[in-house]
PDB file of all heavy atoms in Angstrom:
ATOM      1  N   ARG A   1      73.896 172.364   2.594  1.00  0.00           N
ATOM      2  CA  ARG A   1      73.837 171.061   1.934  1.00  0.00           C
ATOM      3  C   ARG A   1      74.996 170.898   0.978  1.00  0.00           C
ATOM      4  O   ARG A   1      75.515 171.887   0.421  1.00  0.00           O
ATOM      5  CB  ARG A   1      72.505 170.879   1.219  1.00  0.00           C
ATOM      6  CG  ARG A   1      72.273 171.776   0.033  1.00  0.00           C
ATOM      7  CD  ARG A   1      70.812 171.657  -0.456  1.00  0.00           C
ATOM      8  NE  ARG A   1      70.520 170.339  -0.979  1.00  0.00           N
ATOM      9  CZ  ARG A   1      69.267 169.887  -1.134  1.00  0.00           C
ATOM     10  NH1 ARG A   1      68.232 170.658  -0.830  1.00  0.00           N
ATOM     11  NH2 ARG A   1      69.061 168.673  -1.636  1.00  0.00           N
ATOM     12  N   ASP A   2      75.391 169.649   0.796  1.00  0.00           N
ATOM     13  CA  ASP A   2      76.411 169.292  -0.164  1.00  0.00           C
ATOM     14  C   ASP A   2      75.775 168.260  -1.094  1.00  0.00           C
ATOM     15  O   ASP A   2      75.667 167.081  -0.727  1.00  0.00           O
ATOM     16  CB  ASP A   2      77.647 168.725   0.537  1.00  0.00           C
ATOM     17  CG  ASP A   2      78.791 168.432  -0.395  1.00  0.00           C
ATOM     18  OD1 ASP A   2      78.551 168.258  -1.619  1.00  0.00           O
ATOM     19  OD2 ASP A   2      79.928 168.368   0.067  1.00  0.00           O
ATOM     20  N   ASN A   3      75.349 168.688  -2.261  1.00  0.00           N
ATOM     21  CA  ASN A   3      74.628 167.789  -3.171  1.00  0.00           C
ATOM     22  C   ASN A   3      75.539 166.678  -3.707  1.00  0.00           C
ATOM     23  O   ASN A   3      75.060 165.594  -4.039  1.00  0.00           O
ATOM     24  CB  ASN A   3      73.980 168.571  -4.295  1.00  0.00           C
ATOM     25  CG  ASN A   3      72.749 169.345  -3.831  1.00  0.00           C
ATOM     26  OD1 ASN A   3      72.213 169.097  -2.756  1.00  0.00           O
ATOM     27  ND2 ASN A   3      72.316 170.289  -4.654  1.00  0.00           N
ATOM     28  N   ALA A   4      76.825 166.939  -3.772  1.00  0.00           N
ATOM     29  CA  ALA A   4      77.750 165.899  -4.244  1.00  0.00           C
ATOM     30  C   ALA A   4      77.858 164.760  -3.233  1.00  0.00           C
ATOM     31  O   ALA A   4      78.112 163.606  -3.605  1.00  0.00           O
ATOM     32  CB  ALA A   4      79.116 166.503  -4.494  1.00  0.00           C
ATOM     33  N   LYS A   5      77.629 165.088  -1.961  1.00  0.00           N
ATOM     34  CA  LYS A   5      77.694 164.072  -0.904  1.00  0.00           C
ATOM     35  C   LYS A   5      76.317 163.640  -0.440  1.00  0.00           C
ATOM     36  O   LYS A   5      76.202 162.818   0.497  1.00  0.00           O
ATOM     37  CB  LYS A   5      78.494 164.617   0.293  1.00  0.00           C
ATOM     38  CG  LYS A   5      79.943 164.900  -0.002  1.00  0.00           C
ATOM     39  CD  LYS A   5      80.681 165.372   1.253  1.00  0.00           C
ATOM     40  CE  LYS A   5      82.153 165.606   0.938  1.00  0.00           C
ATOM     41  NZ  LYS A   5      82.891 166.085   2.146  1.00  0.00           N
ATOM     42  N   SER A   6      75.258 164.195  -1.034  1.00  0.00           N
ATOM     43  CA  SER A   6      73.877 163.882  -0.639  1.00  0.00           C
ATOM     44  C   SER A   6      73.675 164.039   0.858  1.00  0.00           C
ATOM     45  O   SER A   6      73.081 163.175   1.535  1.00  0.00           O
ATOM     46  CB  SER A   6      73.523 162.433  -1.067  1.00  0.00           C
ATOM     47  OG  SER A   6      73.571 162.308  -2.462  1.00  0.00           O
ATOM     48  N   THR A   7      74.146 165.139   1.367  1.00  0.00           N
ATOM     49  CA  THR A   7      74.117 165.377   2.812  1.00  0.00           C
ATOM     50  C   THR A   7      73.657 166.800   3.112  1.00  0.00           C
ATOM     51  O   THR A   7      74.074 167.743   2.431  1.00  0.00           O
ATOM     52  CB  THR A   7      75.508 165.131   3.446  1.00  0.00           C
ATOM     53  OG1 THR A   7      75.918 163.789   3.170  1.00  0.00           O
ATOM     54  CG2 THR A   7      75.480 165.351   4.957  1.00  0.00           C
ATOM     55  N   VAL A   8      72.833 166.917   4.148  1.00  0.00           N
ATOM     56  CA  VAL A   8      72.434 168.236   4.639  1.00  0.00           C
ATOM     57  C   VAL A   8      72.953 168.370   6.068  1.00  0.00           C
ATOM     58  O   VAL A   8      73.028 167.372   6.791  1.00  0.00           O
ATOM     59  CB  VAL A   8      70.901 168.417   4.580  1.00  0.00           C
ATOM     60  CG1 VAL A   8      70.165 167.413   5.441  1.00  0.00           C
ATOM     61  CG2 VAL A   8      70.500 169.835   4.940  1.00  0.00           C
ATOM     62  N   TYR A   9      73.310 169.580   6.433  1.00  0.00           N
ATOM     63  CA  TYR A   9      73.923 169.846   7.730  1.00  0.00           C
ATOM     64  C   TYR A   9      73.126 170.882   8.503  1.00  0.00           C
ATOM     65  O   TYR A   9      72.415 171.704   7.927  1.00  0.00           O
ATOM     66  CB  TYR A   9      75.352 170.368   7.545  1.00  0.00           C
ATOM     67  CG  TYR A   9      76.241 169.479   6.724  1.00  0.00           C
ATOM     68  CD1 TYR A   9      76.433 169.736   5.368  1.00  0.00           C
ATOM     69  CD2 TYR A   9      76.906 168.401   7.294  1.00  0.00           C
ATOM     70  CE1 TYR A   9      77.257 168.930   4.597  1.00  0.00           C
ATOM     71  CE2 TYR A   9      77.718 167.583   6.527  1.00  0.00           C
ATOM     72  CZ  TYR A   9      77.881 167.863   5.189  1.00  0.00           C
ATOM     73  OH  TYR A   9      78.692 167.045   4.429  1.00  0.00           O
ATOM     74  N   LEU A  10      73.255 170.844   9.810  1.00  0.00           N
ATOM     75  CA  LEU A  10      72.724 171.889  10.677  1.00  0.00           C
ATOM     76  C   LEU A  10      73.800 172.237  11.690  1.00  0.00           C
ATOM     77  O   LEU A  10      74.089 171.475  12.589  1.00  0.00           O
ATOM     78  CB  LEU A  10      71.441 171.424  11.384  1.00  0.00           C
ATOM     79  CG  LEU A  10      70.741 172.516  12.190  1.00  0.00           C
ATOM     80  CD1 LEU A  10      70.159 173.581  11.246  1.00  0.00           C
ATOM     81  CD2 LEU A  10      69.633 171.945  13.062  1.00  0.00           C
ATOM     82  N   GLN A  11      74.394 173.408  11.485  1.00  0.00           N
ATOM     83  CA  GLN A  11      75.375 173.924  12.430  1.00  0.00           C
ATOM     84  C   GLN A  11      74.648 174.708  13.502  1.00  0.00           C
ATOM     85  O   GLN A  11      73.927 175.669  13.196  1.00  0.00           O
ATOM     86  CB  GLN A  11      76.388 174.833  11.710  1.00  0.00           C
ATOM     87  CG  GLN A  11      77.413 175.464  12.629  1.00  0.00           C
ATOM     88  CD  GLN A  11      78.358 174.453  13.250  1.00  0.00           C
ATOM     89  OE1 GLN A  11      78.829 173.555  12.568  1.00  0.00           O
ATOM     90  NE2 GLN A  11      78.640 174.602  14.541  1.00  0.00           N
ATOM     91  N   MET A  12      74.811 174.287  14.742  1.00  0.00           N
ATOM     92  CA  MET A  12      74.089 174.896  15.862  1.00  0.00           C
ATOM     93  C   MET A  12      75.099 175.538  16.802  1.00  0.00           C
ATOM     94  O   MET A  12      75.935 174.847  17.386  1.00  0.00           O
ATOM     95  CB  MET A  12      73.270 173.833  16.588  1.00  0.00           C
ATOM     96  CG  MET A  12      72.307 173.082  15.687  1.00  0.00           C
ATOM     97  SD  MET A  12      71.218 171.962  16.566  1.00  0.00           S
ATOM     98  CE  MET A  12      72.416 170.800  17.204  1.00  0.00           C
ATOM     99  N   ASN A  13      75.016 176.853  16.943  1.00  0.00           N
ATOM    100  CA  ASN A  13      75.900 177.612  17.817  1.00  0.00           C
ATOM    101  C   ASN A  13      75.102 178.271  18.924  1.00  0.00           C
ATOM    102  O   ASN A  13      73.875 178.387  18.838  1.00  0.00           O
ATOM    103  CB  ASN A  13      76.654 178.667  17.024  1.00  0.00           C
ATOM    104  CG  ASN A  13      77.538 178.093  15.944  1.00  0.00           C
ATOM    105  OD1 ASN A  13      78.057 176.974  16.063  1.00  0.00           O
ATOM    106  ND2 ASN A  13      77.710 178.823  14.854  1.00  0.00           N
ATOM    107  N   SER A  14      75.796 178.708  19.950  1.00  0.00           N
ATOM    108  CA  SER A  14      75.158 179.405  21.084  1.00  0.00           C
ATOM    109  C   SER A  14      73.947 178.631  21.580  1.00  0.00           C
ATOM    110  O   SER A  14      72.871 179.186  21.800  1.00  0.00           O
ATOM    111  CB  SER A  14      74.747 180.823  20.662  1.00  0.00           C
ATOM    112  OG  SER A  14      75.855 181.561  20.200  1.00  0.00           O
ATOM    113  N   LEU A  15      74.134 177.353  21.802  1.00  0.00           N
ATOM    114  CA  LEU A  15      73.016 176.492  22.177  1.00  0.00           C
ATOM    115  C   LEU A  15      72.474 176.843  23.550  1.00  0.00           C
ATOM    116  O   LEU A  15      73.216 177.245  24.458  1.00  0.00           O
ATOM    117  CB  LEU A  15      73.443 175.027  22.132  1.00  0.00           C
ATOM    118  CG  LEU A  15      73.502 174.433  20.719  1.00  0.00           C
ATOM    119  CD1 LEU A  15      74.356 173.189  20.670  1.00  0.00           C
ATOM    120  CD2 LEU A  15      72.099 174.144  20.203  1.00  0.00           C
ATOM    121  N   LYS A  16      71.160 176.676  23.677  1.00  0.00           N
ATOM    122  CA  LYS A  16      70.441 176.997  24.906  1.00  0.00           C
ATOM    123  C   LYS A  16      69.744 175.734  25.420  1.00  0.00           C
ATOM    124  O   LYS A  16      69.416 174.834  24.624  1.00  0.00           O
ATOM    125  CB  LYS A  16      69.386 178.069  24.633  1.00  0.00           C
ATOM    126  CG  LYS A  16      69.923 179.340  24.010  1.00  0.00           C
ATOM    127  CD  LYS A  16      68.789 180.293  23.659  1.00  0.00           C
ATOM    128  CE  LYS A  16      69.310 181.553  23.014  1.00  0.00           C
ATOM    129  NZ  LYS A  16      68.200 182.500  22.666  1.00  0.00           N
ATOM    130  N   PRO A  17      69.454 175.667  26.694  1.00  0.00           N
ATOM    131  CA  PRO A  17      68.726 174.503  27.211  1.00  0.00           C
ATOM    132  C   PRO A  17      67.418 174.233  26.479  1.00  0.00           C
ATOM    133  O   PRO A  17      67.026 173.064  26.296  1.00  0.00           O
ATOM    134  CB  PRO A  17      68.492 174.852  28.695  1.00  0.00           C
ATOM    135  CG  PRO A  17      69.639 175.750  29.036  1.00  0.00           C
ATOM    136  CD  PRO A  17      69.897 176.557  27.788  1.00  0.00           C
ATOM    137  N   GLN A  18      66.756 175.287  26.013  1.00  0.00           N
ATOM    138  CA  GLN A  18      65.487 175.116  25.298  1.00  0.00           C
ATOM    139  C   GLN A  18      65.665 174.540  23.907  1.00  0.00           C
ATOM    140  O   GLN A  18      64.685 174.250  23.217  1.00  0.00           O
ATOM    141  CB  GLN A  18      64.698 176.427  25.243  1.00  0.00           C
ATOM    142  CG  GLN A  18      65.476 177.594  24.719  1.00  0.00           C
ATOM    143  CD  GLN A  18      66.046 178.453  25.835  1.00  0.00           C
ATOM    144  OE1 GLN A  18      66.620 177.959  26.787  1.00  0.00           O
ATOM    145  NE2 GLN A  18      65.878 179.762  25.688  1.00  0.00           N
ATOM    146  N   ASP A  19      66.900 174.373  23.455  1.00  0.00           N
ATOM    147  CA  ASP A  19      67.151 173.698  22.181  1.00  0.00           C
ATOM    148  C   ASP A  19      67.164 172.181  22.343  1.00  0.00           C
ATOM    149  O   ASP A  19      67.269 171.454  21.360  1.00  0.00           O
ATOM    150  CB  ASP A  19      68.498 174.141  21.595  1.00  0.00           C
ATOM    151  CG  ASP A  19      68.495 175.608  21.190  1.00  0.00           C
ATOM    152  OD1 ASP A  19      67.501 176.068  20.611  1.00  0.00           O
ATOM    153  OD2 ASP A  19      69.519 176.302  21.458  1.00  0.00           O
ATOM    154  N   THR A  20      67.107 171.705  23.578  1.00  0.00           N
ATOM    155  CA  THR A  20      67.096 170.272  23.828  1.00  0.00           C
ATOM    156  C   THR A  20      65.882 169.617  23.177  1.00  0.00           C
ATOM    157  O   THR A  20      64.742 170.042  23.389  1.00  0.00           O
ATOM    158  CB  THR A  20      67.069 169.991  25.343  1.00  0.00           C
ATOM    159  OG1 THR A  20      68.294 170.480  25.926  1.00  0.00           O
ATOM    160  CG2 THR A  20      66.930 168.513  25.634  1.00  0.00           C
ATOM    161  N   ALA A  21      66.145 168.608  22.359  1.00  0.00           N
ATOM    162  CA  ALA A  21      65.076 167.931  21.612  1.00  0.00           C
ATOM    163  C   ALA A  21      65.679 166.798  20.807  1.00  0.00           C
ATOM    164  O   ALA A  21      66.917 166.670  20.707  1.00  0.00           O
ATOM    165  CB  ALA A  21      64.377 168.907  20.672  1.00  0.00           C
ATOM    166  N   VAL A  22      64.810 165.992  20.214  1.00  0.00           N
ATOM    167  CA  VAL A  22      65.241 165.072  19.158  1.00  0.00           C
ATOM    168  C   VAL A  22      65.136 165.826  17.840  1.00  0.00           C
ATOM    169  O   VAL A  22      64.093 166.410  17.543  1.00  0.00           O
ATOM    170  CB  VAL A  22      64.372 163.805  19.124  1.00  0.00           C
ATOM    171  CG1 VAL A  22      64.826 162.894  17.979  1.00  0.00           C
ATOM    172  CG2 VAL A  22      64.484 163.068  20.468  1.00  0.00           C
ATOM    173  N   TYR A  23      66.211 165.821  17.094  1.00  0.00           N
ATOM    174  CA  TYR A  23      66.262 166.539  15.827  1.00  0.00           C
ATOM    175  C   TYR A  23      66.121 165.561  14.662  1.00  0.00           C
ATOM    176  O   TYR A  23      66.798 164.527  14.628  1.00  0.00           O
ATOM    177  CB  TYR A  23      67.568 167.320  15.710  1.00  0.00           C
ATOM    178  CG  TYR A  23      67.570 168.572  16.524  1.00  0.00           C
ATOM    179  CD1 TYR A  23      67.641 168.528  17.912  1.00  0.00           C
ATOM    180  CD2 TYR A  23      67.483 169.825  15.921  1.00  0.00           C
ATOM    181  CE1 TYR A  23      67.615 169.675  18.684  1.00  0.00           C
ATOM    182  CE2 TYR A  23      67.462 170.977  16.679  1.00  0.00           C
ATOM    183  CZ  TYR A  23      67.526 170.906  18.045  1.00  0.00           C
ATOM    184  OH  TYR A  23      67.499 172.054  18.804  1.00  0.00           O
ATOM    185  N   TYR A  24      65.250 165.915  13.719  1.00  0.00           N
ATOM    186  CA  TYR A  24      64.962 165.080  12.559  1.00  0.00           C
ATOM    187  C   TYR A  24      65.264 165.832  11.282  1.00  0.00           C
ATOM    188  O   TYR A  24      64.931 167.027  11.175  1.00  0.00           O
ATOM    189  CB  TYR A  24      63.482 164.693  12.532  1.00  0.00           C
ATOM    190  CG  TYR A  24      62.993 163.903  13.707  1.00  0.00           C
ATOM    191  CD1 TYR A  24      62.501 164.541  14.845  1.00  0.00           C
ATOM    192  CD2 TYR A  24      63.004 162.506  13.689  1.00  0.00           C
ATOM    193  CE1 TYR A  24      62.039 163.817  15.933  1.00  0.00           C
ATOM    194  CE2 TYR A  24      62.544 161.764  14.776  1.00  0.00           C
ATOM    195  CZ  TYR A  24      62.076 162.431  15.879  1.00  0.00           C
ATOM    196  OH  TYR A  24      61.610 161.706  16.963  1.00  0.00           O
ATOM    197  N   CYS A  25      65.840 165.162  10.313  1.00  0.00           N
ATOM    198  CA  CYS A  25      65.904 165.742   8.981  1.00  0.00           C
ATOM    199  C   CYS A  25      64.783 165.134   8.152  1.00  0.00           C
ATOM    200  O   CYS A  25      64.294 164.027   8.436  1.00  0.00           O
ATOM    201  CB  CYS A  25      67.267 165.536   8.324  1.00  0.00           C
ATOM    202  SG  CYS A  25      67.645 163.841   7.868  1.00  0.00           S
ATOM    203  N   ALA A  26      64.378 165.871   7.132  1.00  0.00           N
ATOM    204  CA  ALA A  26      63.250 165.450   6.311  1.00  0.00           C
ATOM    205  C   ALA A  26      63.442 165.905   4.876  1.00  0.00           C
ATOM    206  O   ALA A  26      64.066 166.948   4.623  1.00  0.00           O
ATOM    207  CB  ALA A  26      61.957 166.034   6.881  1.00  0.00           C
ATOM    208  N   ALA A  27      62.887 165.125   3.952  1.00  0.00           N
ATOM    209  CA  ALA A  27      62.995 165.405   2.521  1.00  0.00           C
ATOM    210  C   ALA A  27      61.621 165.681   1.943  1.00  0.00           C
ATOM    211  O   ALA A  27      60.677 164.902   2.136  1.00  0.00           O
ATOM    212  CB  ALA A  27      63.632 164.216   1.803  1.00  0.00           C
ATOM    213  N   ASP A  28      61.522 166.777   1.202  1.00  0.00           N
ATOM    214  CA  ASP A  28      60.277 167.171   0.529  1.00  0.00           C
ATOM    215  C   ASP A  28      60.356 166.699  -0.916  1.00  0.00           C
ATOM    216  O   ASP A  28      60.568 167.505  -1.833  1.00  0.00           O
ATOM    217  CB  ASP A  28      60.119 168.689   0.634  1.00  0.00           C
ATOM    218  CG  ASP A  28      58.801 169.176   0.087  1.00  0.00           C
ATOM    219  OD1 ASP A  28      57.994 168.349  -0.388  1.00  0.00           O
ATOM    220  OD2 ASP A  28      58.570 170.398   0.110  1.00  0.00           O
ATOM    221  N   VAL A  29      60.167 165.414  -1.141  1.00  0.00           N
ATOM    222  CA  VAL A  29      60.425 164.799  -2.434  1.00  0.00           C
ATOM    223  C   VAL A  29      59.416 165.208  -3.474  1.00  0.00           C
ATOM    224  O   VAL A  29      59.741 165.333  -4.664  1.00  0.00           O
ATOM    225  CB  VAL A  29      60.465 163.271  -2.270  1.00  0.00           C
ATOM    226  CG1 VAL A  29      60.564 162.565  -3.616  1.00  0.00           C
ATOM    227  CG2 VAL A  29      61.618 162.860  -1.365  1.00  0.00           C
ATOM    228  N   THR A  30      58.179 165.446  -3.078  1.00  0.00           N
ATOM    229  CA  THR A  30      57.107 165.711  -4.050  1.00  0.00           C
ATOM    230  C   THR A  30      56.924 167.211  -4.320  1.00  0.00           C
ATOM    231  O   THR A  30      56.033 167.591  -5.068  1.00  0.00           O
ATOM    232  CB  THR A  30      55.781 165.133  -3.563  1.00  0.00           C
ATOM    233  OG1 THR A  30      55.484 165.689  -2.258  1.00  0.00           O
ATOM    234  CG2 THR A  30      55.866 163.626  -3.452  1.00  0.00           C
ATOM    235  N   SER A  31      57.766 168.037  -3.735  1.00  0.00           N
ATOM    236  CA  SER A  31      57.614 169.483  -3.881  1.00  0.00           C
ATOM    237  C   SER A  31      57.788 169.920  -5.327  1.00  0.00           C
ATOM    238  O   SER A  31      58.710 169.505  -6.011  1.00  0.00           O
ATOM    239  CB  SER A  31      58.623 170.196  -2.999  1.00  0.00           C
ATOM    240  OG  SER A  31      58.564 171.582  -3.244  1.00  0.00           O
ATOM    241  N   VAL A  32      56.886 170.815  -5.757  1.00  0.00           N
ATOM    242  CA  VAL A  32      57.062 171.492  -7.032  1.00  0.00           C
ATOM    243  C   VAL A  32      57.171 172.987  -6.825  1.00  0.00           C
ATOM    244  O   VAL A  32      57.288 173.751  -7.785  1.00  0.00           O
ATOM    245  CB  VAL A  32      55.891 171.180  -8.004  1.00  0.00           C
ATOM    246  CG1 VAL A  32      55.880 169.701  -8.357  1.00  0.00           C
ATOM    247  CG2 VAL A  32      54.565 171.607  -7.395  1.00  0.00           C
ATOM    248  N   ALA A  33      57.121 173.414  -5.563  1.00  0.00           N
ATOM    249  CA  ALA A  33      57.130 174.835  -5.240  1.00  0.00           C
ATOM    250  C   ALA A  33      58.560 175.341  -5.126  1.00  0.00           C
ATOM    251  O   ALA A  33      59.505 174.579  -4.879  1.00  0.00           O
ATOM    252  CB  ALA A  33      56.395 175.067  -3.921  1.00  0.00           C
ATOM    253  N   VAL A  34      58.695 176.623  -5.297  1.00  0.00           N
ATOM    254  CA  VAL A  34      59.991 177.271  -5.105  1.00  0.00           C
ATOM    255  C   VAL A  34      60.238 177.537  -3.631  1.00  0.00           C
ATOM    256  O   VAL A  34      61.371 177.457  -3.140  1.00  0.00           O
ATOM    257  CB  VAL A  34      60.040 178.590  -5.907  1.00  0.00           C
ATOM    258  CG1 VAL A  34      61.339 179.331  -5.631  1.00  0.00           C
ATOM    259  CG2 VAL A  34      59.886 178.313  -7.384  1.00  0.00           C
ATOM    260  N   VAL A  35      59.155 177.821  -2.900  1.00  0.00           N
ATOM    261  CA  VAL A  35      59.252 178.142  -1.485  1.00  0.00           C
ATOM    262  C   VAL A  35      59.594 176.900  -0.687  1.00  0.00           C
ATOM    263  O   VAL A  35      59.015 175.837  -0.907  1.00  0.00           O
ATOM    264  CB  VAL A  35      57.944 178.762  -0.983  1.00  0.00           C
ATOM    265  CG1 VAL A  35      58.007 179.016   0.511  1.00  0.00           C
ATOM    266  CG2 VAL A  35      57.630 180.044  -1.739  1.00  0.00           C
ATOM    267  N   VAL A  36      60.494 177.015   0.266  1.00  0.00           N
ATOM    268  CA  VAL A  36      60.837 175.913   1.158  1.00  0.00           C
ATOM    269  C   VAL A  36      59.757 175.831   2.258  1.00  0.00           C
ATOM    270  O   VAL A  36      59.501 176.818   2.940  1.00  0.00           O
ATOM    271  CB  VAL A  36      62.219 176.125   1.791  1.00  0.00           C
ATOM    272  CG1 VAL A  36      62.547 174.971   2.731  1.00  0.00           C
ATOM    273  CG2 VAL A  36      63.281 176.250   0.714  1.00  0.00           C
ATOM    274  N   SER A  37      59.176 174.671   2.402  1.00  0.00           N
ATOM    275  CA  SER A  37      58.065 174.525   3.334  1.00  0.00           C
ATOM    276  C   SER A  37      58.530 174.480   4.788  1.00  0.00           C
ATOM    277  O   SER A  37      59.572 173.910   5.104  1.00  0.00           O
ATOM    278  CB  SER A  37      57.278 173.254   3.034  1.00  0.00           C
ATOM    279  OG  SER A  37      56.226 173.084   3.965  1.00  0.00           O
ATOM    280  N   ARG A  38      57.702 175.091   5.662  1.00  0.00           N
ATOM    281  CA  ARG A  38      57.929 175.018   7.098  1.00  0.00           C
ATOM    282  C   ARG A  38      56.985 174.022   7.760  1.00  0.00           C
ATOM    283  O   ARG A  38      56.980 173.887   8.986  1.00  0.00           O
ATOM    284  CB  ARG A  38      57.687 176.396   7.736  1.00  0.00           C
ATOM    285  CG  ARG A  38      58.614 177.492   7.253  1.00  0.00           C
ATOM    286  CD  ARG A  38      58.170 178.853   7.752  1.00  0.00           C
ATOM    287  NE  ARG A  38      59.055 179.927   7.326  1.00  0.00           N
ATOM    288  CZ  ARG A  38      59.983 180.471   8.112  1.00  0.00           C
ATOM    289  NH1 ARG A  38      60.118 180.062   9.344  1.00  0.00           N
ATOM    290  NH2 ARG A  38      60.753 181.445   7.648  1.00  0.00           N
ATOM    291  N   THR A  39      56.210 173.315   6.945  1.00  0.00           N
ATOM    292  CA  THR A  39      55.161 172.450   7.447  1.00  0.00           C
ATOM    293  C   THR A  39      55.599 170.998   7.426  1.00  0.00           C
ATOM    294  O   THR A  39      55.941 170.478   6.360  1.00  0.00           O
ATOM    295  CB  THR A  39      53.885 172.619   6.603  1.00  0.00           C
ATOM    296  OG1 THR A  39      53.506 173.994   6.599  1.00  0.00           O
ATOM    297  CG2 THR A  39      52.758 171.779   7.169  1.00  0.00           C
ATOM    298  N   ALA A  40      55.523 170.324   8.569  1.00  0.00           N
ATOM    299  CA  ALA A  40      55.977 168.941   8.653  1.00  0.00           C
ATOM    300  C   ALA A  40      55.203 168.037   7.696  1.00  0.00           C
ATOM    301  O   ALA A  40      55.788 167.112   7.103  1.00  0.00           O
ATOM    302  CB  ALA A  40      55.852 168.437  10.084  1.00  0.00           C
ATOM    303  N   ALA A  41      53.924 168.298   7.524  1.00  0.00           N
ATOM    304  CA  ALA A  41      53.098 167.439   6.674  1.00  0.00           C
ATOM    305  C   ALA A  41      53.536 167.466   5.215  1.00  0.00           C
ATOM    306  O   ALA A  41      53.207 166.570   4.438  1.00  0.00           O
ATOM    307  CB  ALA A  41      51.641 167.846   6.798  1.00  0.00           C
ATOM    308  N   GLN A  42      54.260 168.505   4.807  1.00  0.00           N
ATOM    309  CA  GLN A  42      54.709 168.611   3.425  1.00  0.00           C
ATOM    310  C   GLN A  42      55.860 167.655   3.130  1.00  0.00           C
ATOM    311  O   GLN A  42      56.109 167.305   1.965  1.00  0.00           O
ATOM    312  CB  GLN A  42      55.146 170.061   3.141  1.00  0.00           C
ATOM    313  CG  GLN A  42      55.678 170.313   1.744  1.00  0.00           C
ATOM    314  CD  GLN A  42      54.664 170.069   0.654  1.00  0.00           C
ATOM    315  OE1 GLN A  42      53.495 170.456   0.789  1.00  0.00           O
ATOM    316  NE2 GLN A  42      55.069 169.408  -0.422  1.00  0.00           N
ATOM    317  N   TYR A  43      56.569 167.236   4.153  1.00  0.00           N
ATOM    318  CA  TYR A  43      57.760 166.406   3.963  1.00  0.00           C
ATOM    319  C   TYR A  43      57.387 164.929   3.897  1.00  0.00           C
ATOM    320  O   TYR A  43      56.560 164.450   4.678  1.00  0.00           O
ATOM    321  CB  TYR A  43      58.774 166.690   5.071  1.00  0.00           C
ATOM    322  CG  TYR A  43      59.396 168.055   4.910  1.00  0.00           C
ATOM    323  CD1 TYR A  43      58.724 169.207   5.329  1.00  0.00           C
ATOM    324  CD2 TYR A  43      60.648 168.198   4.332  1.00  0.00           C
ATOM    325  CE1 TYR A  43      59.277 170.464   5.155  1.00  0.00           C
ATOM    326  CE2 TYR A  43      61.220 169.449   4.154  1.00  0.00           C
ATOM    327  CZ  TYR A  43      60.514 170.584   4.568  1.00  0.00           C
ATOM    328  OH  TYR A  43      61.072 171.826   4.391  1.00  0.00           O
ATOM    329  N   ASP A  44      58.042 164.217   2.984  1.00  0.00           N
ATOM    330  CA  ASP A  44      57.638 162.846   2.671  1.00  0.00           C
ATOM    331  C   ASP A  44      58.467 161.776   3.377  1.00  0.00           C
ATOM    332  O   ASP A  44      57.974 160.683   3.643  1.00  0.00           O
ATOM    333  CB  ASP A  44      57.756 162.626   1.155  1.00  0.00           C
ATOM    334  CG  ASP A  44      57.064 163.707   0.360  1.00  0.00           C
ATOM    335  OD1 ASP A  44      55.816 163.712   0.348  1.00  0.00           O
ATOM    336  OD2 ASP A  44      57.764 164.583  -0.206  1.00  0.00           O
TER     337      ASP A  44
END
């Protein structure tokens, strides 16, 4: 991420056919935890 540009990136290398999908970014705005959530429902 680049906080000065308000942008997050995903560099994907060695791509496989099973990586085919629609990719979404998400923001966990209400988080108060230190741990980064892996749960879609946590993202706002």
